[in-house]
Protein backbone atom coordinates (compact mmCIF):
# COMPACT_ATOMS: atom_id res chain seq x y z
CA UNK A 1 -3.20 20.39 0.69
CA UNK A 2 0.38 21.67 -0.08
CA UNK A 3 1.78 21.24 2.80
CA UNK A 4 3.00 18.66 5.26
CA UNK A 5 0.74 18.06 8.70
CA UNK A 6 4.44 17.58 10.43
CA UNK A 7 6.98 20.30 11.02
CA UNK A 8 9.96 17.31 10.73
CA UNK A 9 10.26 14.13 9.19
CA UNK A 10 11.10 11.69 12.32
CA UNK A 11 9.21 8.54 11.27
CA UNK A 12 6.17 7.25 9.28
CA UNK A 13 4.42 6.41 11.94
CA UNK A 14 3.51 9.68 12.96
CA UNK A 15 2.75 11.26 9.59
CA UNK A 16 -0.53 10.90 7.73
CA UNK A 17 -1.46 9.23 4.47
CA UNK A 18 -1.90 12.65 3.08
CA UNK A 19 1.80 13.63 3.62
CA UNK A 20 2.89 10.18 2.48
CA UNK A 21 0.56 11.32 -1.00
CA UNK A 22 2.16 14.66 -1.18
CA UNK A 23 5.42 13.35 -0.64
CA UNK A 24 5.20 10.94 -3.52
CA UNK A 25 3.32 13.48 -5.94
CA UNK A 26 6.23 15.75 -5.17
CA UNK A 27 8.79 13.32 -5.92
CA UNK A 28 7.27 12.57 -9.22
CA UNK A 29 7.86 16.32 -10.01
CA UNK A 30 11.19 16.02 -9.11
CA UNK A 31 11.91 12.60 -10.61
CA UNK A 32 11.34 14.60 -13.94
CA UNK A 33 13.73 17.35 -13.07
CA UNK A 34 16.55 15.26 -12.30
CA UNK A 35 15.98 13.27 -15.78
CA UNK A 36 16.46 16.51 -17.55
CA UNK A 37 19.73 17.59 -19.12
CA UNK A 38 20.28 20.71 -16.35
CA UNK A 39 19.61 19.12 -13.03
CA UNK A 40 19.15 21.29 -10.89
CA UNK A 41 16.07 23.73 -9.65
CA UNK A 42 16.57 26.55 -7.26
CA UNK A 43 14.08 25.71 -4.80
CA UNK A 44 16.36 25.39 -1.78
CA UNK A 45 18.75 28.31 -2.81
CA UNK A 46 18.75 29.96 0.62
CA UNK A 47 18.66 27.37 3.03
CA UNK A 48 21.54 25.33 4.58
CA UNK A 49 21.22 21.84 5.09
CA UNK A 50 23.67 20.35 7.87
CA UNK A 51 24.09 16.20 7.37
CA UNK A 52 24.85 14.45 10.24
CA UNK A 53 25.72 11.00 10.63
CA UNK A 54 26.88 9.38 13.67
CA UNK A 55 27.05 5.84 11.93
CA UNK A 56 28.16 4.91 8.48
CA UNK A 57 26.37 5.30 5.75
CA UNK A 58 27.35 5.44 1.75
CA UNK A 59 24.06 5.15 -0.17
CA UNK A 60 21.62 7.22 2.40
CA UNK A 61 24.23 10.03 2.56
CA UNK A 62 25.30 10.52 -1.34
CA UNK A 63 21.36 10.32 -2.13
CA UNK A 64 20.95 13.17 0.58
CA UNK A 65 23.78 15.08 -0.37
CA UNK A 66 22.96 14.71 -4.48
CA UNK A 67 19.04 15.75 -3.38
CA UNK A 68 20.18 19.04 -1.68
CA UNK A 69 22.59 20.00 -4.44
CA UNK A 70 19.84 19.31 -6.71
CA UNK A 71 17.46 21.80 -5.11
CA UNK A 72 20.62 24.57 -4.45
CA UNK A 73 20.97 23.98 -0.91
CA UNK A 74 24.18 25.01 0.78
CA UNK A 75 25.46 21.93 2.32
CA UNK A 76 27.62 20.93 5.33
CA UNK A 77 28.72 17.74 5.98
CA UNK A 78 29.53 16.29 9.45
CA UNK A 79 30.92 12.89 10.42
CA UNK A 80 31.00 12.12 13.90
CA UNK A 81 34.32 9.87 13.55
CA UNK A 82 36.34 12.86 13.03
CA UNK A 83 34.56 15.00 15.27
CA UNK A 84 34.54 16.52 18.77
CA UNK A 85 32.16 13.84 19.81
CA UNK A 86 34.84 11.51 20.29
CA UNK A 87 36.12 13.72 22.82
CA UNK A 88 33.02 13.52 24.69
CA UNK A 89 30.71 16.46 23.40
CA UNK A 90 27.08 16.01 23.86
CA UNK A 91 24.37 15.72 20.71
CA UNK A 92 22.50 18.54 21.69
CA UNK A 93 25.93 20.74 22.01
CA UNK A 94 27.09 19.39 18.77
CA UNK A 95 24.13 20.45 16.76
CA UNK A 96 23.76 23.92 18.71
CA UNK A 97 27.06 24.58 17.75
CA UNK A 98 25.84 23.64 13.76
CA UNK A 99 23.26 25.78 14.33
CA UNK A 100 24.95 28.79 15.37
CA UNK A 101 26.42 28.89 11.89
CA UNK A 102 22.57 29.50 11.09
CA UNK A 103 21.87 25.82 9.46
CA UNK A 104 17.99 25.70 8.76
CA UNK A 105 17.78 21.60 8.51
CA UNK A 106 19.28 19.07 9.99
CA UNK A 107 19.54 15.44 8.53
CA UNK A 108 20.82 12.92 10.77
CA UNK A 109 21.36 9.47 11.13
CA UNK A 110 22.22 7.90 14.73
CA UNK A 111 22.44 4.73 16.42
CA UNK A 112 20.23 5.27 19.18
CA UNK A 113 16.53 4.77 18.50
CA UNK A 114 14.43 8.20 19.14
CA UNK A 115 17.76 10.28 18.78
CA UNK A 116 15.93 12.23 16.05
CA UNK A 117 12.68 13.07 18.09
CA UNK A 118 15.27 13.69 21.14
CA UNK A 119 16.58 16.31 18.93
CA UNK A 120 13.57 17.86 17.42
CA UNK A 121 12.21 18.66 20.79
CA UNK A 122 15.77 20.62 21.58
CA UNK A 123 16.94 22.63 18.79
CA UNK A 124 15.17 25.07 16.43
CA UNK A 125 15.66 23.46 13.14
CA UNK A 126 13.67 21.24 10.60
CA UNK A 127 14.71 17.53 11.33
CA UNK A 128 14.78 14.71 8.93
CA UNK A 129 15.70 11.11 10.35
CA UNK A 130 18.07 9.28 8.01
CA UNK A 131 17.78 6.41 10.36
CA UNK A 132 17.67 5.94 14.29
CA UNK A 133 19.13 2.87 15.29
CA UNK A 134 16.89 -0.27 14.35
CA UNK A 135 13.80 1.98 14.92
CA UNK A 136 12.81 4.19 11.80
CA UNK A 137 14.06 5.27 8.40
CA UNK A 138 11.31 6.83 6.89
CA UNK A 139 12.60 8.32 3.58
CA UNK A 140 14.09 4.59 2.81
CA UNK A 141 10.42 3.46 3.51
CA UNK A 142 8.82 6.38 1.26
CA UNK A 143 11.18 5.74 -2.07
CA UNK A 144 10.28 1.98 -1.76
CA UNK A 145 6.63 2.95 -1.65
CA UNK A 146 7.63 5.22 -4.82
CA UNK A 147 9.22 2.43 -6.75
CA UNK A 148 6.21 0.13 -6.33
CA UNK A 149 3.97 2.80 -7.21
CA UNK A 150 5.91 3.25 -10.45
CA UNK A 151 5.97 -0.36 -11.21
CA UNK A 152 2.55 -1.76 -10.27
CA UNK A 153 0.24 1.42 -9.95
CA UNK A 154 -1.85 1.94 -6.78
CA UNK A 155 -0.54 0.16 -3.51
CA UNK A 156 -4.20 -0.59 -2.39
CA UNK A 157 -4.61 -4.42 -1.88
CA UNK A 158 -0.79 -5.16 -2.97
CA UNK A 159 0.58 -7.71 -1.27
CA UNK A 160 3.98 -7.34 -0.19
CA UNK A 161 6.60 -9.43 1.94
CA UNK A 162 9.37 -8.11 3.82
CA UNK A 163 12.37 -11.15 4.21
CA UNK A 164 14.92 -11.33 6.44
CA UNK A 165 16.50 -9.62 9.52
CA UNK A 166 12.79 -8.06 11.11
CA UNK A 167 14.39 -7.80 14.17
CA UNK A 168 17.18 -5.43 13.75
CA UNK A 169 15.69 -3.80 10.64
CA UNK A 170 14.58 0.18 11.02
CA UNK A 171 14.02 -0.35 7.42
CA UNK A 172 10.90 -3.01 8.03
CA UNK A 173 9.50 -0.97 10.27
CA UNK A 174 9.24 2.03 8.21
CA UNK A 175 7.83 0.34 5.41
CA UNK A 176 5.52 -1.53 7.62
CA UNK A 177 3.64 1.84 8.33
CA UNK A 178 3.95 3.53 4.94
CA UNK A 179 2.71 0.46 3.41
CA UNK A 180 -0.37 0.07 5.31
CA UNK A 181 -1.17 3.30 5.10
CA UNK A 182 -1.39 3.38 1.50
CA UNK A 183 -4.11 0.12 1.76
CA UNK A 184 -1.13 -2.68 1.04
CA UNK A 185 -1.24 -5.96 2.72
CA UNK A 186 2.21 -6.95 4.59
CA UNK A 187 3.37 -10.13 5.75
CA UNK A 188 7.04 -10.80 6.85
CA UNK A 189 9.17 -13.75 6.69
CA UNK A 190 12.70 -14.96 8.45
CA UNK A 191 14.08 -17.06 10.80
CA UNK A 192 11.74 -17.41 14.07
CA UNK A 193 14.69 -15.46 15.90
CA UNK A 194 15.00 -12.57 13.60
CA UNK A 195 11.30 -11.84 13.93
CA UNK A 196 10.23 -9.52 16.60
CA UNK A 197 7.39 -10.77 18.89
CA UNK A 198 5.49 -7.32 18.72
CA UNK A 199 5.45 -7.66 14.70
CA UNK A 200 1.69 -9.11 14.71
CA UNK A 201 0.30 -6.33 16.89
CA UNK A 202 0.84 -4.24 14.04
CA UNK A 203 -1.35 -6.15 11.86
CA UNK A 204 1.32 -7.89 9.94
CA UNK A 205 1.39 -11.94 9.41
CA UNK A 206 4.53 -13.96 9.77
CA UNK A 207 5.35 -16.51 7.59
CA UNK A 208 8.18 -18.66 8.14
CA UNK A 209 8.40 -20.53 4.98
CA UNK A 210 9.88 -18.35 1.83
CA UNK A 211 8.52 -20.42 -1.11
CA UNK A 212 4.86 -19.97 0.43
CA UNK A 213 5.71 -16.12 1.05
CA UNK A 214 6.85 -15.53 -2.51
CA UNK A 215 3.82 -17.28 -3.93
CA UNK A 216 1.63 -15.13 -2.15
CA UNK A 217 3.33 -11.92 -2.51
CA UNK A 218 3.32 -9.20 -5.36
CA UNK A 219 6.54 -7.46 -3.85
CA UNK A 220 9.41 -9.45 -2.51
CA UNK A 221 11.66 -6.66 -0.22
CA UNK A 222 14.30 -8.57 0.58
CA UNK A 223 16.56 -7.21 3.73
CA UNK A 224 20.44 -7.20 4.33
CA UNK A 225 21.34 -9.32 7.48
CA UNK A 226 22.59 -6.73 9.93
CA UNK A 227 25.53 -8.72 11.43
CA UNK A 228 27.04 -5.59 12.91
CA UNK A 229 23.75 -5.14 15.00
CA UNK A 230 23.63 -8.92 16.30
CA UNK A 231 25.03 -9.36 19.60
CA UNK A 232 24.57 -13.05 19.98
CA UNK A 233 23.92 -15.39 17.24
CA UNK A 234 20.43 -15.27 15.40
CA UNK A 235 21.21 -18.74 13.13
CA UNK A 236 24.06 -21.32 12.86
CA UNK A 237 25.67 -19.78 9.47
CA UNK A 238 25.31 -17.43 6.78
CA UNK A 239 25.42 -20.63 4.67
CA UNK A 240 22.47 -21.96 6.35
CA UNK A 241 20.66 -18.84 6.44
CA UNK A 242 20.68 -18.37 2.70
CA UNK A 243 19.63 -22.07 2.18
CA UNK A 244 16.19 -21.30 3.93
CA UNK A 245 16.03 -17.51 3.21
CA UNK A 246 18.06 -16.61 0.23
CA UNK A 247 16.63 -15.91 -3.17
CA UNK A 248 17.98 -17.44 -6.00
CA UNK A 249 16.70 -17.55 -9.88
CA UNK A 250 15.70 -21.13 -9.69
CA UNK A 251 13.25 -20.41 -6.62
CA UNK A 252 12.34 -17.49 -8.44
CA UNK A 253 11.54 -19.27 -11.98
CA UNK A 254 9.67 -21.85 -10.19
CA UNK A 255 6.78 -19.25 -8.76
CA UNK A 256 3.79 -19.34 -11.08
CA UNK A 257 3.86 -15.57 -11.23
CA UNK A 258 6.49 -12.56 -11.85
CA UNK A 259 6.98 -10.73 -8.83
CA UNK A 260 8.91 -7.49 -8.17
CA UNK A 261 12.30 -8.10 -6.39
CA UNK A 262 13.47 -5.27 -4.00
CA UNK A 263 16.29 -4.54 -1.76
CA UNK A 264 17.33 -1.44 0.60
CA UNK A 265 21.05 -2.13 0.01
CA UNK A 266 23.65 -2.67 0.47
CA UNK A 267 23.31 -6.10 -0.98
CA UNK A 268 25.24 -9.16 0.75
CA UNK A 269 25.35 -11.00 -2.96
CA UNK A 270 24.78 -14.65 -2.40
CA UNK A 271 23.39 -14.57 1.26
CA UNK A 272 19.91 -12.89 1.22
CA UNK A 273 20.04 -12.75 -2.83
CA UNK A 274 21.95 -13.95 -5.36
CA UNK A 275 23.64 -11.81 -8.20
CA UNK A 276 21.16 -13.43 -10.79
CA UNK A 277 18.45 -12.38 -9.01
CA UNK A 278 19.82 -9.05 -7.90
CA UNK A 279 20.66 -8.07 -11.81
CA UNK A 280 17.28 -9.60 -13.32
CA UNK A 281 14.56 -7.73 -15.19
CA UNK A 282 12.13 -8.45 -12.18
CA UNK A 283 14.51 -6.30 -9.44
CA UNK A 284 14.02 -2.77 -9.21
CA UNK A 285 16.73 -2.40 -6.94
CA UNK A 286 18.77 0.25 -8.98
CA UNK A 287 15.09 2.43 -9.59
CA UNK A 288 15.00 2.34 -5.87
CA UNK A 289 18.47 4.05 -6.00
CA UNK A 290 17.55 6.74 -8.47
CA UNK A 291 14.31 7.39 -7.04
CA UNK A 292 15.62 8.05 -3.51
CA UNK A 293 17.20 11.16 -4.33
CA UNK A 294 13.71 12.50 -5.99
CA UNK A 295 11.79 11.44 -2.86
CA UNK A 296 14.43 13.04 -0.72
CA UNK A 297 14.29 16.17 -2.93
CA UNK A 298 10.27 16.09 -2.17
CA UNK A 299 10.92 15.52 1.70
CA UNK A 300 13.02 18.41 2.42
CA UNK A 301 11.41 20.59 -0.41
CA UNK A 302 8.18 20.19 1.53
CA UNK A 303 9.91 20.51 4.98
CA UNK A 304 11.02 23.73 3.94
CA UNK A 305 8.21 25.05 2.59
CA UNK A 306 6.25 24.31 5.79
CA UNK A 307 5.38 27.44 8.45
CA UNK A 308 5.81 27.25 11.96
């Protein structure tokens, strides 16, 4: 099978293991491309992609834009903060105006969960969800899976712990869906107040003790504390959080094995992870950034080739 089962990439929950395998193997080919002296291919030369970011983003937006340019697509960048959305224009009207300019694909980040699904039902373009509220962030989960696979081989029976602000994290949810479809075992770890009640219904175990979680896992994915999404206080202070759930070098060195350290970024150094851990040889944080371009190239290439 050389095409995706879905017309859009709205989340990991509604794609198949075959879709994930196809994206990851295609990304492997694109990773070779972006490490060549000439880093461009003409795969999307006739495609116009609009990046619609209704929420702030640095890495994801730059990664998508670079992926589009590596594929030779025409790119339009849209930022809600200086657009007619501020004047009261609806999401559908905004997008239809952009589509009237003959855009083929939309990459969208939005603060409302389900915004990408809502849009996919109403406009005639391929939609890639670049993050919708605290719901899903599918390309982050795919690049995380690709990065683990690159480091450890198959994900089957690998033990992954996701640490931190699970409640507000779209990365956590997409990662759980993706890792489980690839056969990994997943635990979450963090303060009880930041673990959603439903999480065990997804077949995920909860571990409140960071040391125990790290002793169990092969890979620790350290999430950022999302203060901008927290309308009440979920823990006494950042200092207390980092004492209980921050990963430092002495804790890492106290384990009886070497584990792989990941972080979706941006890192709050000294909160969820210290600089000496982030920059250590066990960390694959910069590999994740590089792999993000290849994975996003793969997603857009496969969606562009998917027949309606």
